[in-house]
Amino acid sequence: MPDLKHARPAIRQLVRLLNFRATYGRPSYIKWLEYQAA
């Protein structure tokens, strides 16, 4: 896996959010349409 510092800013932010929310003990979810994701 490449180092996170080489990722685009949006990917870095996604990973940081997921790492923080993983400490809550429940999974995170993603829902998406054709061009956007929640």
Full PDB file with SEQRES, HELIX, SHEET, SSBOND, CRYST1, ORIGX, SCALE, CONECT and MASTER records, all heavy atoms in Angstrom:
SEQRES   1 A   38  MET PRO ASP LEU LYS HIS ALA ARG PRO ALA ILE ARG GLN          
SEQRES   2 A   38  LEU VAL ARG LEU LEU ASN PHE ARG ALA THR TYR GLY ARG          
SEQRES   3 A   38  PRO SER TYR ILE LYS TRP LEU GLU TYR GLN ALA ALA              
HELIX    1 AA1 LEU A    4  HIS A    6  5                                   3    
HELIX    2 AA2 PRO A    9  ALA A   22  1                                  14    
CRYST1    1.000    1.000    1.000  90.00  90.00  90.00 P 1           1          
ORIGX1      1.000000  0.000000  0.000000        0.00000                         
ORIGX2      0.000000  1.000000  0.000000        0.00000                         
ORIGX3      0.000000  0.000000  1.000000        0.00000                         
SCALE1      1.000000  0.000000  0.000000        0.00000                         
SCALE2      0.000000  1.000000  0.000000        0.00000                         
SCALE3      0.000000  0.000000  1.000000        0.00000                         
ATOM      1  N   MET A   1       0.846  -1.173   0.000  1.00  0.00           N  
ATOM      2  CA  MET A   1       0.000   0.000   0.000  1.00  0.00           C  
ATOM      3  C   MET A   1       0.894   1.241   0.000  1.00  0.00           C  
ATOM      4  O   MET A   1       1.824   1.326   0.792  1.00  0.00           O  
ATOM      5  CB  MET A   1      -0.890  -0.034   1.237  1.00  0.00           C  
ATOM      6  CG  MET A   1      -1.634   1.225   1.464  1.00  0.00           C  
ATOM      7  SD  MET A   1      -2.673   1.204   2.923  1.00  0.00           S  
ATOM      8  CE  MET A   1      -1.633   0.504   4.140  1.00  0.00           C  
ATOM      9  N   PRO A   2       0.597   2.199  -0.862  1.00  0.00           N  
ATOM     10  CA  PRO A   2       1.391   3.431  -0.868  1.00  0.00           C  
ATOM     11  C   PRO A   2       1.171   4.243   0.412  1.00  0.00           C  
ATOM     12  O   PRO A   2       0.172   4.081   1.099  1.00  0.00           O  
ATOM     13  CB  PRO A   2       0.884   4.186  -2.097  1.00  0.00           C  
ATOM     14  CG  PRO A   2      -0.416   3.572  -2.440  1.00  0.00           C  
ATOM     15  CD  PRO A   2      -0.425   2.184  -1.881  1.00  0.00           C  
ATOM     16  N   ASP A   3       2.140   5.080   0.702  1.00  0.00           N  
ATOM     17  CA  ASP A   3       2.065   5.923   1.894  1.00  0.00           C  
ATOM     18  C   ASP A   3       0.921   6.931   1.750  1.00  0.00           C  
ATOM     19  O   ASP A   3       0.679   7.465   0.668  1.00  0.00           O  
ATOM     20  CB  ASP A   3       3.394   6.649   2.085  1.00  0.00           C  
ATOM     21  CG  ASP A   3       3.511   7.289   3.449  1.00  0.00           C  
ATOM     22  OD1 ASP A   3       2.630   7.049   4.293  1.00  0.00           O  
ATOM     23  OD2 ASP A   3       4.489   8.011   3.661  1.00  0.00           O  
ATOM     24  N   LEU A   4       0.241   7.205   2.838  1.00  0.00           N  
ATOM     25  CA  LEU A   4      -0.909   8.112   2.816  1.00  0.00           C  
ATOM     26  C   LEU A   4      -0.521   9.530   2.413  1.00  0.00           C  
ATOM     27  O   LEU A   4      -1.333  10.255   1.855  1.00  0.00           O  
ATOM     28  CB  LEU A   4      -1.596   8.106   4.179  1.00  0.00           C  
ATOM     29  CG  LEU A   4      -2.947   8.800   4.269  1.00  0.00           C  
ATOM     30  CD1 LEU A   4      -3.947   8.182   3.311  1.00  0.00           C  
ATOM     31  CD2 LEU A   4      -3.476   8.737   5.682  1.00  0.00           C  
ATOM     32  N   LYS A   5       0.720   9.923   2.644  1.00  0.00           N  
ATOM     33  CA  LYS A   5       1.123  11.281   2.283  1.00  0.00           C  
ATOM     34  C   LYS A   5       1.121  11.502   0.774  1.00  0.00           C  
ATOM     35  O   LYS A   5       1.117  12.636   0.319  1.00  0.00           O  
ATOM     36  CB  LYS A   5       2.489  11.616   2.866  1.00  0.00           C  
ATOM     37  CG  LYS A   5       3.642  10.859   2.268  1.00  0.00           C  
ATOM     38  CD  LYS A   5       4.934  11.269   2.926  1.00  0.00           C  
ATOM     39  CE  LYS A   5       6.092  10.450   2.381  1.00  0.00           C  
ATOM     40  NZ  LYS A   5       7.330  10.764   3.060  1.00  0.00           N  
ATOM     41  N   HIS A   6       1.087  10.411  -0.008  1.00  0.00           N  
ATOM     42  CA  HIS A   6       1.046  10.542  -1.469  1.00  0.00           C  
ATOM     43  C   HIS A   6      -0.380  10.536  -2.016  1.00  0.00           C  
ATOM     44  O   HIS A   6      -0.574  10.698  -3.213  1.00  0.00           O  
ATOM     45  CB  HIS A   6       1.846   9.414  -2.131  1.00  0.00           C  
ATOM     46  CG  HIS A   6       3.286   9.427  -1.751  1.00  0.00           C  
ATOM     47  ND1 HIS A   6       4.131  10.466  -2.067  1.00  0.00           N  
ATOM     48  CD2 HIS A   6       4.032   8.539  -1.053  1.00  0.00           C  
ATOM     49  CE1 HIS A   6       5.334  10.211  -1.587  1.00  0.00           C  
ATOM     50  NE2 HIS A   6       5.308   9.047  -0.958  1.00  0.00           N  
ATOM     51  N   ALA A   7      -1.351  10.353  -1.138  1.00  0.00           N  
ATOM     52  CA  ALA A   7      -2.753  10.314  -1.567  1.00  0.00           C  
ATOM     53  C   ALA A   7      -3.295  11.730  -1.751  1.00  0.00           C  
ATOM     54  O   ALA A   7      -2.783  12.691  -1.183  1.00  0.00           O  
ATOM     55  CB  ALA A   7      -3.590   9.575  -0.531  1.00  0.00           C  
ATOM     56  N   ARG A   8      -4.369  11.809  -2.530  1.00  0.00           N  
ATOM     57  CA  ARG A   8      -5.048  13.095  -2.710  1.00  0.00           C  
ATOM     58  C   ARG A   8      -5.622  13.556  -1.374  1.00  0.00           C  
ATOM     59  O   ARG A   8      -5.930  12.753  -0.502  1.00  0.00           O  
ATOM     60  CB  ARG A   8      -6.184  12.962  -3.730  1.00  0.00           C  
ATOM     61  CG  ARG A   8      -5.706  12.729  -5.125  1.00  0.00           C  
ATOM     62  CD  ARG A   8      -6.815  12.764  -6.174  1.00  0.00           C  
ATOM     63  NE  ARG A   8      -7.947  11.896  -5.883  1.00  0.00           N  
ATOM     64  CZ  ARG A   8      -9.169  12.335  -5.609  1.00  0.00           C  
ATOM     65  NH1 ARG A   8      -9.444  13.621  -5.568  1.00  0.00           N  
ATOM     66  NH2 ARG A   8     -10.141  11.492  -5.373  1.00  0.00           N  
ATOM     67  N   PRO A   9      -5.803  14.881  -1.186  1.00  0.00           N  
ATOM     68  CA  PRO A   9      -6.331  15.395   0.089  1.00  0.00           C  
ATOM     69  C   PRO A   9      -7.682  14.793   0.478  1.00  0.00           C  
ATOM     70  O   PRO A   9      -7.919  14.531   1.658  1.00  0.00           O  
ATOM     71  CB  PRO A   9      -6.441  16.902  -0.151  1.00  0.00           C  
ATOM     72  CG  PRO A   9      -5.418  17.187  -1.190  1.00  0.00           C  
ATOM     73  CD  PRO A   9      -5.377  15.970  -2.075  1.00  0.00           C  
ATOM     74  N   ALA A  10      -8.563  14.546  -0.482  1.00  0.00           N  
ATOM     75  CA  ALA A  10      -9.873  13.974  -0.154  1.00  0.00           C  
ATOM     76  C   ALA A  10      -9.731  12.559   0.402  1.00  0.00           C  
ATOM     77  O   ALA A  10     -10.456  12.174   1.326  1.00  0.00           O  
ATOM     78  CB  ALA A  10     -10.764  13.965  -1.388  1.00  0.00           C  
ATOM     79  N   ILE A  11      -8.803  11.786  -0.113  1.00  0.00           N  
ATOM     80  CA  ILE A  11      -8.582  10.434   0.397  1.00  0.00           C  
ATOM     81  C   ILE A  11      -7.970  10.493   1.790  1.00  0.00           C  
ATOM     82  O   ILE A  11      -8.356   9.734   2.682  1.00  0.00           O  
ATOM     83  CB  ILE A  11      -7.697   9.621  -0.573  1.00  0.00           C  
ATOM     84  CG1 ILE A  11      -8.441   9.382  -1.883  1.00  0.00           C  
ATOM     85  CG2 ILE A  11      -7.280   8.293   0.058  1.00  0.00           C  
ATOM     86  CD1 ILE A  11      -7.618   8.711  -2.950  1.00  0.00           C  
ATOM     87  N   ARG A  12      -7.031  11.400   2.005  1.00  0.00           N  
ATOM     88  CA  ARG A  12      -6.439  11.552   3.338  1.00  0.00           C  
ATOM     89  C   ARG A  12      -7.507  11.916   4.360  1.00  0.00           C  
ATOM     90  O   ARG A  12      -7.531  11.397   5.478  1.00  0.00           O  
ATOM     91  CB  ARG A  12      -5.339  12.613   3.318  1.00  0.00           C  
ATOM     92  CG  ARG A  12      -4.083  12.154   2.629  1.00  0.00           C  
ATOM     93  CD  ARG A  12      -2.906  13.056   2.938  1.00  0.00           C  
ATOM     94  NE  ARG A  12      -3.115  14.443   2.621  1.00  0.00           N  
ATOM     95  CZ  ARG A  12      -2.708  15.049   1.504  1.00  0.00           C  
ATOM     96  NH1 ARG A  12      -2.051  14.369   0.593  1.00  0.00           N  
ATOM     97  NH2 ARG A  12      -2.947  16.320   1.306  1.00  0.00           N  
ATOM     98  N   GLN A  13      -8.413  12.821   3.987  1.00  0.00           N  
ATOM     99  CA  GLN A  13      -9.472  13.211   4.908  1.00  0.00           C  
ATOM    100  C   GLN A  13     -10.410  12.043   5.190  1.00  0.00           C  
ATOM    101  O   GLN A  13     -10.804  11.826   6.343  1.00  0.00           O  
ATOM    102  CB  GLN A  13     -10.256  14.393   4.344  1.00  0.00           C  
ATOM    103  CG  GLN A  13     -11.307  14.886   5.312  1.00  0.00           C  
ATOM    104  CD  GLN A  13     -12.041  16.102   4.811  1.00  0.00           C  
ATOM    105  OE1 GLN A  13     -12.106  16.349   3.616  1.00  0.00           O  
ATOM    106  NE2 GLN A  13     -12.609  16.857   5.732  1.00  0.00           N  
ATOM    107  N   LEU A  14     -10.760  11.273   4.174  1.00  0.00           N  
ATOM    108  CA  LEU A  14     -11.618  10.102   4.365  1.00  0.00           C  
ATOM    109  C   LEU A  14     -10.974   9.116   5.337  1.00  0.00           C  
ATOM    110  O   LEU A  14     -11.620   8.648   6.271  1.00  0.00           O  
ATOM    111  CB  LEU A  14     -11.882   9.425   3.014  1.00  0.00           C  
ATOM    112  CG  LEU A  14     -12.601   8.082   3.065  1.00  0.00           C  
ATOM    113  CD1 LEU A  14     -14.015   8.259   3.591  1.00  0.00           C  
ATOM    114  CD2 LEU A  14     -12.599   7.427   1.694  1.00  0.00           C  
ATOM    115  N   VAL A  15      -9.706   8.819   5.148  1.00  0.00           N  
ATOM    116  CA  VAL A  15      -9.008   7.870   6.022  1.00  0.00           C  
ATOM    117  C   VAL A  15      -8.934   8.401   7.450  1.00  0.00           C  
ATOM    118  O   VAL A  15      -9.155   7.654   8.410  1.00  0.00           O  
ATOM    119  CB  VAL A  15      -7.605   7.551   5.458  1.00  0.00           C  
ATOM    120  CG1 VAL A  15      -6.771   6.787   6.459  1.00  0.00           C  
ATOM    121  CG2 VAL A  15      -7.728   6.772   4.160  1.00  0.00           C  
ATOM    122  N   ARG A  16      -8.661   9.676   7.623  1.00  0.00           N  
ATOM    123  CA  ARG A  16      -8.610  10.259   8.977  1.00  0.00           C  
ATOM    124  C   ARG A  16      -9.971  10.175   9.676  1.00  0.00           C  
ATOM    125  O   ARG A  16     -10.052   9.859  10.865  1.00  0.00           O  
ATOM    126  CB  ARG A  16      -8.128  11.696   8.912  1.00  0.00           C  
ATOM    127  CG  ARG A  16      -6.653  11.798   8.636  1.00  0.00           C  
ATOM    128  CD  ARG A  16      -6.161  13.235   8.723  1.00  0.00           C  
ATOM    129  NE  ARG A  16      -4.805  13.317   8.228  1.00  0.00           N  
ATOM    130  CZ  ARG A  16      -4.426  14.037   7.177  1.00  0.00           C  
ATOM    131  NH1 ARG A  16      -5.293  14.771   6.527  1.00  0.00           N  
ATOM    132  NH2 ARG A  16      -3.171  14.040   6.782  1.00  0.00           N  
ATOM    133  N   LEU A  17     -11.038  10.477   8.935  1.00  0.00           N  
ATOM    134  CA  LEU A  17     -12.381  10.378   9.509  1.00  0.00           C  
ATOM    135  C   LEU A  17     -12.698   8.947   9.917  1.00  0.00           C  
ATOM    136  O   LEU A  17     -13.245   8.694  10.997  1.00  0.00           O  
ATOM    137  CB  LEU A  17     -13.424  10.885   8.514  1.00  0.00           C  
ATOM    138  CG  LEU A  17     -13.475  12.386   8.264  1.00  0.00           C  
ATOM    139  CD1 LEU A  17     -14.376  12.698   7.085  1.00  0.00           C  
ATOM    140  CD2 LEU A  17     -13.942  13.117   9.500  1.00  0.00           C  
ATOM    141  N   LEU A  18     -12.362   7.989   9.066  1.00  0.00           N  
ATOM    142  CA  LEU A  18     -12.643   6.588   9.368  1.00  0.00           C  
ATOM    143  C   LEU A  18     -11.830   6.101  10.563  1.00  0.00           C  
ATOM    144  O   LEU A  18     -12.335   5.363  11.404  1.00  0.00           O  
ATOM    145  CB  LEU A  18     -12.370   5.717   8.142  1.00  0.00           C  
ATOM    146  CG  LEU A  18     -13.353   5.888   6.978  1.00  0.00           C  
ATOM    147  CD1 LEU A  18     -12.884   5.101   5.777  1.00  0.00           C  
ATOM    148  CD2 LEU A  18     -14.750   5.477   7.387  1.00  0.00           C  
ATOM    149  N   ASN A  19     -10.576   6.502  10.646  1.00  0.00           N  
ATOM    150  CA  ASN A  19      -9.740   6.093  11.788  1.00  0.00           C  
ATOM    151  C   ASN A  19     -10.296   6.659  13.092  1.00  0.00           C  
ATOM    152  O   ASN A  19     -10.341   5.970  14.110  1.00  0.00           O  
ATOM    153  CB  ASN A  19      -8.295   6.542  11.592  1.00  0.00           C  
ATOM    154  CG  ASN A  19      -7.553   5.664  10.629  1.00  0.00           C  
ATOM    155  OD1 ASN A  19      -7.888   4.507  10.443  1.00  0.00           O  
ATOM    156  ND2 ASN A  19      -6.540   6.217   9.998  1.00  0.00           N  
ATOM    157  N   PHE A  20     -10.725   7.922  13.076  1.00  0.00           N  
ATOM    158  CA  PHE A  20     -11.277   8.532  14.285  1.00  0.00           C  
ATOM    159  C   PHE A  20     -12.576   7.846  14.689  1.00  0.00           C  
ATOM    160  O   PHE A  20     -12.778   7.499  15.852  1.00  0.00           O  
ATOM    161  CB  PHE A  20     -11.505  10.024  14.071  1.00  0.00           C  
ATOM    162  CG  PHE A  20     -12.166  10.694  15.233  1.00  0.00           C  
ATOM    163  CD1 PHE A  20     -11.485  10.878  16.427  1.00  0.00           C  
ATOM    164  CD2 PHE A  20     -13.476  11.134  15.141  1.00  0.00           C  
ATOM    165  CE1 PHE A  20     -12.095  11.486  17.505  1.00  0.00           C  
ATOM    166  CE2 PHE A  20     -14.092  11.748  16.214  1.00  0.00           C  
ATOM    167  CZ  PHE A  20     -13.404  11.922  17.402  1.00  0.00           C  
ATOM    168  N   ARG A  21     -13.477   7.635  13.739  1.00  0.00           N  
ATOM    169  CA  ARG A  21     -14.776   7.042  14.057  1.00  0.00           C  
ATOM    170  C   ARG A  21     -14.661   5.559  14.401  1.00  0.00           C  
ATOM    171  O   ARG A  21     -15.539   5.002  15.053  1.00  0.00           O  
ATOM    172  CB  ARG A  21     -15.759   7.244  12.902  1.00  0.00           C  
ATOM    173  CG  ARG A  21     -16.119   8.692  12.658  1.00  0.00           C  
ATOM    174  CD  ARG A  21     -16.795   9.300  13.865  1.00  0.00           C  
ATOM    175  NE  ARG A  21     -17.046  10.721  13.645  1.00  0.00           N  
ATOM    176  CZ  ARG A  21     -18.108  11.350  14.089  1.00  0.00           C  
ATOM    177  NH1 ARG A  21     -19.007  10.730  14.804  1.00  0.00           N  
ATOM    178  NH2 ARG A  21     -18.258  12.625  13.856  1.00  0.00           N  
ATOM    179  N   ALA A  22     -13.587   4.898  14.001  1.00  0.00           N  
ATOM    180  CA  ALA A  22     -13.392   3.488  14.353  1.00  0.00           C  
ATOM    181  C   ALA A  22     -13.193   3.322  15.858  1.00  0.00           C  
ATOM    182  O   ALA A  22     -13.449   2.250  16.405  1.00  0.00           O  
ATOM    183  CB  ALA A  22     -12.204   2.918  13.596  1.00  0.00           C  
ATOM    184  N   THR A  23     -12.759   4.373  16.532  1.00  0.00           N  
ATOM    185  CA  THR A  23     -12.565   4.293  17.982  1.00  0.00           C  
ATOM    186  C   THR A  23     -13.892   4.211  18.723  1.00  0.00           C  
ATOM    187  O   THR A  23     -13.897   3.928  19.920  1.00  0.00           O  
ATOM    188  CB  THR A  23     -11.770   5.507  18.505  1.00  0.00           C  
ATOM    189  OG1 THR A  23     -12.515   6.697  18.253  1.00  0.00           O  
ATOM    190  CG2 THR A  23     -10.411   5.589  17.841  1.00  0.00           C  
ATOM    191  N   TYR A  24     -15.015   4.445  18.043  1.00  0.00           N  
ATOM    192  CA  TYR A  24     -16.327   4.388  18.680  1.00  0.00           C  
ATOM    193  C   TYR A  24     -16.830   2.955  18.821  1.00  0.00           C  
ATOM    194  O   TYR A  24     -17.841   2.708  19.467  1.00  0.00           O  
ATOM    195  CB  TYR A  24     -17.352   5.198  17.894  1.00  0.00           C  
ATOM    196  CG  TYR A  24     -17.156   6.698  17.955  1.00  0.00           C  
ATOM    197  CD1 TYR A  24     -15.970   7.261  18.390  1.00  0.00           C  
ATOM    198  CD2 TYR A  24     -18.166   7.549  17.565  1.00  0.00           C  
ATOM    199  CE1 TYR A  24     -15.801   8.630  18.434  1.00  0.00           C  
ATOM    200  CE2 TYR A  24     -18.000   8.922  17.619  1.00  0.00           C  
ATOM    201  CZ  TYR A  24     -16.821   9.447  18.048  1.00  0.00           C  
ATOM    202  OH  TYR A  24     -16.651  10.800  18.108  1.00  0.00           O  
ATOM    203  N   GLY A  25     -16.179   1.991  18.178  1.00  0.00           N  
ATOM    204  CA  GLY A  25     -16.540   0.590  18.335  1.00  0.00           C  
ATOM    205  C   GLY A  25     -17.641   0.086  17.423  1.00  0.00           C  
ATOM    206  O   GLY A  25     -18.081  -1.045  17.563  1.00  0.00           O  
ATOM    207  N   ARG A  26     -18.093   0.899  16.481  1.00  0.00           N  
ATOM    208  CA  ARG A  26     -19.116   0.466  15.520  1.00  0.00           C  
ATOM    209  C   ARG A  26     -18.632   0.797  14.120  1.00  0.00           C  
ATOM    210  O   ARG A  26     -17.859   1.729  13.930  1.00  0.00           O  
ATOM    211  CB  ARG A  26     -20.446   1.176  15.808  1.00  0.00           C  
ATOM    212  CG  ARG A  26     -21.058   0.777  17.130  1.00  0.00           C  
ATOM    213  CD  ARG A  26     -22.468   1.336  17.270  1.00  0.00           C  
ATOM    214  NE  ARG A  26     -22.506   2.793  17.202  1.00  0.00           N  
ATOM    215  CZ  ARG A  26     -22.561   3.594  18.250  1.00  0.00           C  
ATOM    216  NH1 ARG A  26     -22.554   3.098  19.460  1.00  0.00           N  
ATOM    217  NH2 ARG A  26     -22.612   4.898  18.107  1.00  0.00           N  
ATOM    218  N   PRO A  27     -19.099   0.053  13.113  1.00  0.00           N  
ATOM    219  CA  PRO A  27     -18.625   0.304  11.753  1.00  0.00           C  
ATOM    220  C   PRO A  27     -19.199   1.588  11.160  1.00  0.00           C  
ATOM    221  O   PRO A  27     -20.262   2.058  11.572  1.00  0.00           O  
ATOM    222  CB  PRO A  27     -19.119  -0.914  10.967  1.00  0.00           C  
ATOM    223  CG  PRO A  27     -20.321  -1.384  11.718  1.00  0.00           C  
ATOM    224  CD  PRO A  27     -20.030  -1.074  13.166  1.00  0.00           C  
ATOM    225  N   SER A  28     -18.495   2.143  10.193  1.00  0.00           N  
ATOM    226  CA  SER A  28     -19.001   3.268   9.409  1.00  0.00           C  
ATOM    227  C   SER A  28     -19.577   2.700   8.120  1.00  0.00           C  
ATOM    228  O   SER A  28     -19.221   1.597   7.687  1.00  0.00           O  
ATOM    229  CB  SER A  28     -17.874   4.245   9.076  1.00  0.00           C  
ATOM    230  OG  SER A  28     -17.383   4.850  10.243  1.00  0.00           O  
ATOM    231  N   TYR A  29     -20.466   3.462   7.501  1.00  0.00           N  
ATOM    232  CA  TYR A  29     -21.121   3.011   6.277  1.00  0.00           C  
ATOM    233  C   TYR A  29     -20.947   4.056   5.187  1.00  0.00           C  
ATOM    234  O   TYR A  29     -20.761   5.241   5.459  1.00  0.00           O  
ATOM    235  CB  TYR A  29     -22.619   2.788   6.516  1.00  0.00           C  
ATOM    236  CG  TYR A  29     -22.911   1.619   7.421  1.00  0.00           C  
ATOM    237  CD1 TYR A  29     -22.971   1.785   8.795  1.00  0.00           C  
ATOM    238  CD2 TYR A  29     -23.120   0.350   6.897  1.00  0.00           C  
ATOM    239  CE1 TYR A  29     -23.228   0.718   9.634  1.00  0.00           C  
ATOM    240  CE2 TYR A  29     -23.380  -0.725   7.728  1.00  0.00           C  
ATOM    241  CZ  TYR A  29     -23.435  -0.535   9.096  1.00  0.00           C  
ATOM    242  OH  TYR A  29     -23.683  -1.591   9.922  1.00  0.00           O  
ATOM    243  N   ILE A  30     -21.068   3.602   3.947  1.00  0.00           N  
ATOM    244  CA  ILE A  30     -21.033   4.491   2.788  1.00  0.00           C  
ATOM    245  C   ILE A  30     -22.239   4.145   1.918  1.00  0.00           C  
ATOM    246  O   ILE A  30     -22.560   2.977   1.735  1.00  0.00           O  
ATOM    247  CB  ILE A  30     -19.697   4.342   2.009  1.00  0.00           C  
ATOM    248  CG1 ILE A  30     -19.487   5.478   1.045  1.00  0.00           C  
ATOM    249  CG2 ILE A  30     -19.574   3.042   1.295  1.00  0.00           C  
ATOM    250  CD1 ILE A  30     -18.888   6.681   1.670  1.00  0.00           C  
ATOM    251  N   LYS A  31     -22.964   5.155   1.478  1.00  0.00           N  
ATOM    252  CA  LYS A  31     -24.063   4.989   0.526  1.00  0.00           C  
ATOM    253  C   LYS A  31     -23.693   5.802  -0.698  1.00  0.00           C  
ATOM    254  O   LYS A  31     -23.132   6.888  -0.561  1.00  0.00           O  
ATOM    255  CB  LYS A  31     -25.374   5.530   1.092  1.00  0.00           C  
ATOM    256  CG  LYS A  31     -25.991   4.686   2.171  1.00  0.00           C  
ATOM    257  CD  LYS A  31     -27.246   5.366   2.678  1.00  0.00           C  
ATOM    258  CE  LYS A  31     -28.411   4.426   2.614  1.00  0.00           C  
ATOM    259  NZ  LYS A  31     -29.661   5.051   3.024  1.00  0.00           N  
ATOM    260  N   TRP A  32     -23.983   5.309  -1.895  1.00  0.00           N  
ATOM    261  CA  TRP A  32     -23.642   6.112  -3.061  1.00  0.00           C  
ATOM    262  C   TRP A  32     -24.668   6.038  -4.170  1.00  0.00           C  
ATOM    263  O   TRP A  32     -25.439   5.106  -4.283  1.00  0.00           O  
ATOM    264  CB  TRP A  32     -22.266   5.805  -3.582  1.00  0.00           C  
ATOM    265  CG  TRP A  32     -21.960   4.398  -4.027  1.00  0.00           C  
ATOM    266  CD1 TRP A  32     -22.738   3.542  -4.750  1.00  0.00           C  
ATOM    267  CD2 TRP A  32     -20.749   3.707  -3.788  1.00  0.00           C  
ATOM    268  NE1 TRP A  32     -22.093   2.379  -4.968  1.00  0.00           N  
ATOM    269  CE2 TRP A  32     -20.868   2.455  -4.402  1.00  0.00           C  
ATOM    270  CE3 TRP A  32     -19.575   4.030  -3.150  1.00  0.00           C  
ATOM    271  CZ2 TRP A  32     -19.848   1.512  -4.374  1.00  0.00           C  
ATOM    272  CZ3 TRP A  32     -18.578   3.092  -3.127  1.00  0.00           C  
ATOM    273  CH2 TRP A  32     -18.712   1.855  -3.732  1.00  0.00           C  
ATOM    274  N   LEU A  33     -24.663   7.084  -4.947  1.00  0.00           N  
ATOM    275  CA  LEU A  33     -25.426   7.182  -6.187  1.00  0.00           C  
ATOM    276  C   LEU A  33     -24.428   7.125  -7.328  1.00  0.00           C  
ATOM    277  O   LEU A  33     -23.286   6.715  -7.146  1.00  0.00           O  
ATOM    278  CB  LEU A  33     -26.211   8.493  -6.228  1.00  0.00           C  
ATOM    279  CG  LEU A  33     -27.355   8.632  -5.234  1.00  0.00           C  
ATOM    280  CD1 LEU A  33     -27.971  10.014  -5.335  1.00  0.00           C  
ATOM    281  CD2 LEU A  33     -28.419   7.584  -5.473  1.00  0.00           C  
ATOM    282  N   GLU A  34     -24.827   7.586  -8.490  1.00  0.00           N  
ATOM    283  CA  GLU A  34     -23.949   7.495  -9.654  1.00  0.00           C  
ATOM    284  C   GLU A  34     -22.656   8.293  -9.490  1.00  0.00           C  
ATOM    285  O   GLU A  34     -21.588   7.823  -9.848  1.00  0.00           O  
ATOM    286  CB  GLU A  34     -24.701   7.981 -10.891  1.00  0.00           C  
ATOM    287  CG  GLU A  34     -23.960   7.701 -12.171  1.00  0.00           C  
ATOM    288  CD  GLU A  34     -24.804   7.985 -13.389  1.00  0.00           C  
ATOM    289  OE1 GLU A  34     -26.030   8.103 -13.272  1.00  0.00           O  
ATOM    290  OE2 GLU A  34     -24.213   8.089 -14.452  1.00  0.00           O  
ATOM    291  N   TYR A  35     -22.733   9.506  -8.936  1.00  0.00           N  
ATOM    292  CA  TYR A  35     -21.546  10.357  -8.834  1.00  0.00           C  
ATOM    293  C   TYR A  35     -21.177  10.778  -7.423  1.00  0.00           C  
ATOM    294  O   TYR A  35     -20.120  11.333  -7.208  1.00  0.00           O  
ATOM    295  CB  TYR A  35     -21.727  11.630  -9.674  1.00  0.00           C  
ATOM    296  CG  TYR A  35     -21.884  11.342 -11.140  1.00  0.00           C  
ATOM    297  CD1 TYR A  35     -23.098  11.518 -11.769  1.00  0.00           C  
ATOM    298  CD2 TYR A  35     -20.808  10.875 -11.886  1.00  0.00           C  
ATOM    299  CE1 TYR A  35     -23.250  11.240 -13.118  1.00  0.00           C  
ATOM    300  CE2 TYR A  35     -20.944  10.599 -13.222  1.00  0.00           C  
ATOM    301  CZ  TYR A  35     -22.171  10.785 -13.843  1.00  0.00           C  
ATOM    302  OH  TYR A  35     -22.298  10.496 -15.165  1.00  0.00           O  
ATOM    303  N   GLN A  36     -22.051  10.568  -6.458  1.00  0.00           N  
ATOM    304  CA  GLN A  36     -21.778  11.067  -5.117  1.00  0.00           C  
ATOM    305  C   GLN A  36     -21.936   9.956  -4.084  1.00  0.00           C  
ATOM    306  O   GLN A  36     -22.633   8.973  -4.318  1.00  0.00           O  
ATOM    307  CB  GLN A  36     -22.685  12.236  -4.785  1.00  0.00           C  
ATOM    308  CG  GLN A  36     -24.145  11.977  -5.020  1.00  0.00           C  
ATOM    309  CD  GLN A  36     -24.939  13.265  -4.995  1.00  0.00           C  
ATOM    310  OE1 GLN A  36     -24.430  14.305  -4.641  1.00  0.00           O  
ATOM    311  NE2 GLN A  36     -26.200  13.190  -5.351  1.00  0.00           N  
ATOM    312  N   ALA A  37     -21.269  10.129  -2.960  1.00  0.00           N  
ATOM    313  CA  ALA A  37     -21.311   9.146  -1.875  1.00  0.00           C  
ATOM    314  C   ALA A  37     -21.538   9.886  -0.559  1.00  0.00           C  
ATOM    315  O   ALA A  37     -21.083  11.009  -0.382  1.00  0.00           O  
ATOM    316  CB  ALA A  37     -20.011   8.360  -1.823  1.00  0.00           C  
ATOM    317  N   ALA A  38     -22.229   9.236   0.360  1.00  0.00           N  
ATOM    318  CA  ALA A  38     -22.505   9.805   1.680  1.00  0.00           C  
ATOM    319  C   ALA A  38     -21.846   8.932   2.733  1.00  0.00           C  
ATOM    320  O   ALA A  38     -22.015   7.713   2.737  1.00  0.00           O  
ATOM    321  CB  ALA A  38     -24.011   9.867   1.922  1.00  0.00           C  
TER     322      ALA A  38                                                      
MASTER        0    0    0    2    0    0    0    6  321    1    0    3          
END                                                                             
